[in-house]
C-alpha atoms as a PDB file:
ATOM      1  CA  MET A   1      13.212   5.061  48.151  1.00  0.00           C
ATOM      2  CA  ALA A   2      14.367   5.362  44.531  1.00  0.00           C
ATOM      3  CA  SER A   3      14.114   2.268  42.377  1.00  0.00           C
ATOM      4  CA  GLU A   4      16.777   3.440  39.942  1.00  0.00           C
ATOM      5  CA  SER A   5      19.799   1.236  39.390  1.00  0.00           C
ATOM      6  CA  PRO A   6      23.171   2.749  40.300  1.00  0.00           C
ATOM      7  CA  GLU A   7      25.331   3.934  37.451  1.00  0.00           C
ATOM      8  CA  ILE A   8      27.891   1.361  36.439  1.00  0.00           C
ATOM      9  CA  SER A   9      31.327   2.782  35.803  1.00  0.00           C
ATOM     10  CA  MET A  10      33.677   1.187  33.331  1.00  0.00           C
ATOM     11  CA  SER A  11      36.750   2.827  34.864  1.00  0.00           C
ATOM     12  CA  VAL A  12      37.866   0.071  37.244  1.00  0.00           C
ATOM     13  CA  PRO A  13      37.301  -2.837  34.820  1.00  0.00           C
ATOM     14  CA  THR A  14      39.207  -0.911  32.134  1.00  0.00           C
ATOM     15  CA  ALA A  15      42.083  -0.299  34.559  1.00  0.00           C
ATOM     16  CA  CYS A  16      42.212  -3.996  35.465  1.00  0.00           C
ATOM     17  CA  ILE A  17      42.177  -5.094  31.831  1.00  0.00           C
ATOM     18  CA  VAL A  18      44.966  -2.677  30.901  1.00  0.00           C
ATOM     19  CA  ALA A  19      47.054  -3.708  33.931  1.00  0.00           C
ATOM     20  CA  VAL A  20      46.659  -7.442  33.311  1.00  0.00           C
ATOM     21  CA  GLY A  21      47.393  -6.931  29.611  1.00  0.00           C
ATOM     22  CA  ALA A  22      50.593  -5.067  30.438  1.00  0.00           C
ATOM     23  CA  PHE A  23      51.535  -7.794  32.936  1.00  0.00           C
ATOM     24  CA  VAL A  24      51.071 -10.528  30.313  1.00  0.00           C
ATOM     25  CA  VAL A  25      53.076  -8.602  27.724  1.00  0.00           C
ATOM     26  CA  ALA A  26      55.888  -8.043  30.232  1.00  0.00           C
ATOM     27  CA  ILE A  27      55.942 -11.740  31.222  1.00  0.00           C
ATOM     28  CA  LEU A  28      56.014 -12.883  27.593  1.00  0.00           C
ATOM     29  CA  SER A  29      58.696 -10.335  26.670  1.00  0.00           C
ATOM     30  CA  GLY A  30      60.888 -11.445  29.566  1.00  0.00           C
ATOM     31  CA  MET A  31      60.429 -15.112  28.671  1.00  0.00           C
ATOM     32  CA  ILE A  32      61.270 -14.513  25.017  1.00  0.00           C
ATOM     33  CA  ALA A  33      64.389 -12.578  26.054  1.00  0.00           C
ATOM     34  CA  GLU A  34      65.286 -15.539  28.334  1.00  0.00           C
ATOM     35  CA  ASN A  35      65.701 -13.340  31.422  1.00  0.00           C
ATOM     36  CA  PRO A  36      65.759 -14.956  34.885  1.00  0.00           C
ATOM     37  CA  PHE A  37      62.306 -15.778  36.251  1.00  0.00           C
ATOM     38  CA  GLY A  38      62.668 -13.585  39.354  1.00  0.00           C
ATOM     39  CA  ALA A  39      63.614 -10.527  37.309  1.00  0.00           C
ATOM     40  CA  VAL A  40      60.778 -11.141  34.829  1.00  0.00           C
ATOM     41  CA  LEU A  41      58.207 -11.474  37.604  1.00  0.00           C
ATOM     42  CA  ALA A  42      59.452  -8.385  39.492  1.00  0.00           C
ATOM     43  CA  ARG A  43      59.463  -6.242  36.356  1.00  0.00           C
ATOM     44  CA  SER A  44      56.040  -7.557  35.310  1.00  0.00           C
ATOM     45  CA  LEU A  45      54.542  -6.655  38.704  1.00  0.00           C
ATOM     46  CA  LEU A  46      56.093  -3.188  38.471  1.00  0.00           C
ATOM     47  CA  VAL A  47      54.657  -2.730  34.979  1.00  0.00           C
ATOM     48  CA  MET A  48      51.227  -3.833  36.221  1.00  0.00           C
ATOM     49  CA  LEU A  49      51.348  -1.290  39.076  1.00  0.00           C
ATOM     50  CA  VAL A  50      52.320   1.493  36.664  1.00  0.00           C
ATOM     51  CA  PHE A  51      49.666   0.659  34.064  1.00  0.00           C
ATOM     52  CA  TRP A  52      46.720   0.315  36.478  1.00  0.00           C
ATOM     53  CA  PRO A  53      46.406   4.111  37.079  1.00  0.00           C
ATOM     54  CA  LEU A  54      46.841   4.723  33.356  1.00  0.00           C
ATOM     55  CA  GLY A  55      44.013   2.294  32.672  1.00  0.00           C
ATOM     56  CA  LEU A  56      41.903   4.028  35.318  1.00  0.00           C
ATOM     57  CA  ILE A  57      42.372   7.371  33.565  1.00  0.00           C
ATOM     58  CA  LEU A  58      41.506   5.735  30.243  1.00  0.00           C
ATOM     59  CA  GLY A  59      38.384   4.241  31.849  1.00  0.00           C
ATOM     60  CA  PHE A  60      37.246   7.649  33.144  1.00  0.00           C
ATOM     61  CA  VAL A  61      37.710   9.149  29.684  1.00  0.00           C
ATOM     62  CA  LEU A  62      35.817   6.320  27.981  1.00  0.00           C
ATOM     63  CA  ASN A  63      33.052   6.472  30.586  1.00  0.00           C
ATOM     64  CA  ARG A  64      32.570  10.192  29.995  1.00  0.00           C
ATOM     65  CA  LEU A  65      32.618   9.800  26.211  1.00  0.00           C
ATOM     66  CA  PHE A  66      30.017   7.023  26.265  1.00  0.00           C
ATOM     67  CA  ARG A  67      27.729   8.924  28.652  1.00  0.00           C
ATOM     68  CA  GLU A  68      27.945  12.089  26.512  1.00  0.00           C
ATOM     69  CA  HIS A  69      27.200  10.058  23.402  1.00  0.00           C
ATOM     70  CA  ALA A  70      24.199   8.424  25.064  1.00  0.00           C
ATOM     71  CA  SER A  71      22.811  11.766  26.243  1.00  0.00           C
ATOM     72  CA  ASN A  72      23.289  13.242  22.746  1.00  0.00           C
ATOM     73  CA  GLN A  73      21.429  10.302  21.223  1.00  0.00           C
ATOM     74  CA  ALA A  74      18.597  10.669  23.747  1.00  0.00           C
ATOM     75  CA  ALA A  75      18.333  14.396  23.012  1.00  0.00           C
ATOM     76  CA  HIS A  76      18.265  13.661  19.291  1.00  0.00           C
ATOM     77  CA  LEU A  77      15.432  11.150  19.734  1.00  0.00           C
ATOM     78  CA  VAL A  78      13.429  13.592  21.843  1.00  0.00           C
ATOM     79  CA  GLN A  79      13.973  16.295  19.251  1.00  0.00           C
ATOM     80  CA  ALA A  80      12.836  14.023  16.432  1.00  0.00           C
ATOM     81  CA  ASN A  81       9.695  13.194  18.482  1.00  0.00           C
ATOM     82  CA  HIS A  82       8.867   9.819  16.979  1.00  0.00           C
ATOM     83  CA  SER A  83       5.491   9.347  18.607  1.00  0.00           C
ATOM     84  CA  THR A  84       3.364   6.293  17.990  1.00  0.00           C
ATOM     85  CA  ASP A  85       0.346   8.469  17.180  1.00  0.00           C
ATOM     86  CA  GLU A  86       1.992   9.748  14.001  1.00  0.00           C
ATOM     87  CA  VAL A  87       2.856   6.235  12.869  1.00  0.00           C
ATOM     88  CA  ALA A  88      -0.606   4.853  13.642  1.00  0.00           C
ATOM     89  CA  GLY A  89      -2.223   7.350  11.241  1.00  0.00           C
ATOM     90  CA  ASP A  90      -0.386   5.806   8.263  1.00  0.00           C
ATOM     91  CA  VAL A  91      -1.696   2.288   8.828  1.00  0.00           C
ATOM     92  CA  LYS A  92      -4.857   1.085   7.094  1.00  0.00           C
ATOM     93  CA  ILE A  93      -6.464  -2.105   8.344  1.00  0.00           C
ATOM     94  CA  VAL A  94      -7.936  -4.279   5.610  1.00  0.00           C
ATOM     95  CA  ASP A  95     -10.721  -6.730   6.363  1.00  0.00           C
ATOM     96  CA  GLU A  96      -9.360  -9.939   4.881  1.00  0.00           C
ATOM     97  CA  SER A  97     -12.599 -11.839   5.323  1.00  0.00           C
ATOM     98  CA  THR A  98     -13.948 -10.463   2.027  1.00  0.00           C
ATOM     99  CA  VAL A  99     -11.508 -11.565  -0.661  1.00  0.00           C
ATOM    100  CA  GLU A 100     -11.982 -12.044  -4.417  1.00  0.00           C
ATOM    101  CA  ARG A 101      -9.671 -13.518  -6.979  1.00  0.00           C
ATOM    102  CA  ASP A 102      -8.613 -11.281  -9.863  1.00  0.00           C
ATOM    103  CA  SER A 103      -8.022 -12.430 -13.428  1.00  0.00           C
ATOM    104  CA  LEU A 104      -4.600 -13.868 -12.518  1.00  0.00           C
ATOM    105  CA  GLY A 105      -5.938 -15.816  -9.549  1.00  0.00           C
ATOM    106  CA  VAL A 106      -4.446 -13.518  -6.932  1.00  0.00           C
ATOM    107  CA  GLU A 107      -6.604 -12.828  -3.883  1.00  0.00           C
ATOM    108  CA  VAL A 108      -7.607  -9.153  -3.716  1.00  0.00           C
ATOM    109  CA  PRO A 109      -9.464  -7.653  -0.737  1.00  0.00           C
ATOM    110  CA  VAL A 110     -12.828  -6.190  -1.632  1.00  0.00           C
ATOM    111  CA  ALA A 111     -13.896  -2.885  -0.102  1.00  0.00           C
ATOM    112  CA  SER A 112     -16.910  -3.300   2.159  1.00  0.00           C
ATOM    113  CA  SER A 113     -19.941  -1.056   1.770  1.00  0.00           C
ATOM    114  CA  SER A 114     -18.868   1.050   4.785  1.00  0.00           C
ATOM    115  CA  GLU A 115     -15.450   1.806   3.180  1.00  0.00           C
ATOM    116  CA  ALA A 116     -16.909   2.633  -0.244  1.00  0.00           C
ATOM    117  CA  SER A 117     -18.870   5.639   0.975  1.00  0.00           C
END
C-alpha cells in the first residue's frame, strides 16, 4: 500500500471562488441599479452557473502551470546538485577552549599543536 498523499487539485476551489465572486458582483450590481429582488437573484444565479465552468477551466490551467513550474524547479535543483558533502568541506571547526586576547582585548582562538603541523 502506497503511503503517498493524493494530489490536491486547485480546479474545483478555483471554480467555486470564481462563481461566488461573479454571484456577489451580480447581486451588488442589481442592488445598485435598484432592480427588483427576484430579477436580481435569478440573474445572479444564472451568472453563477455560467461562471463555474469558466472557473473550472481556469483552475485546470493554473493547476497545470503550477505543477510544471514545480517540476522545473525540482529538475533545476537536481541539476545543480547541492549536496551536503560539498558544503561540509568548506567548514572549519575551531576549538574555542584555547583563546587568547590580542592587543585590542579581542579574544582570538589559538591553534593547537595538532593544527600547527
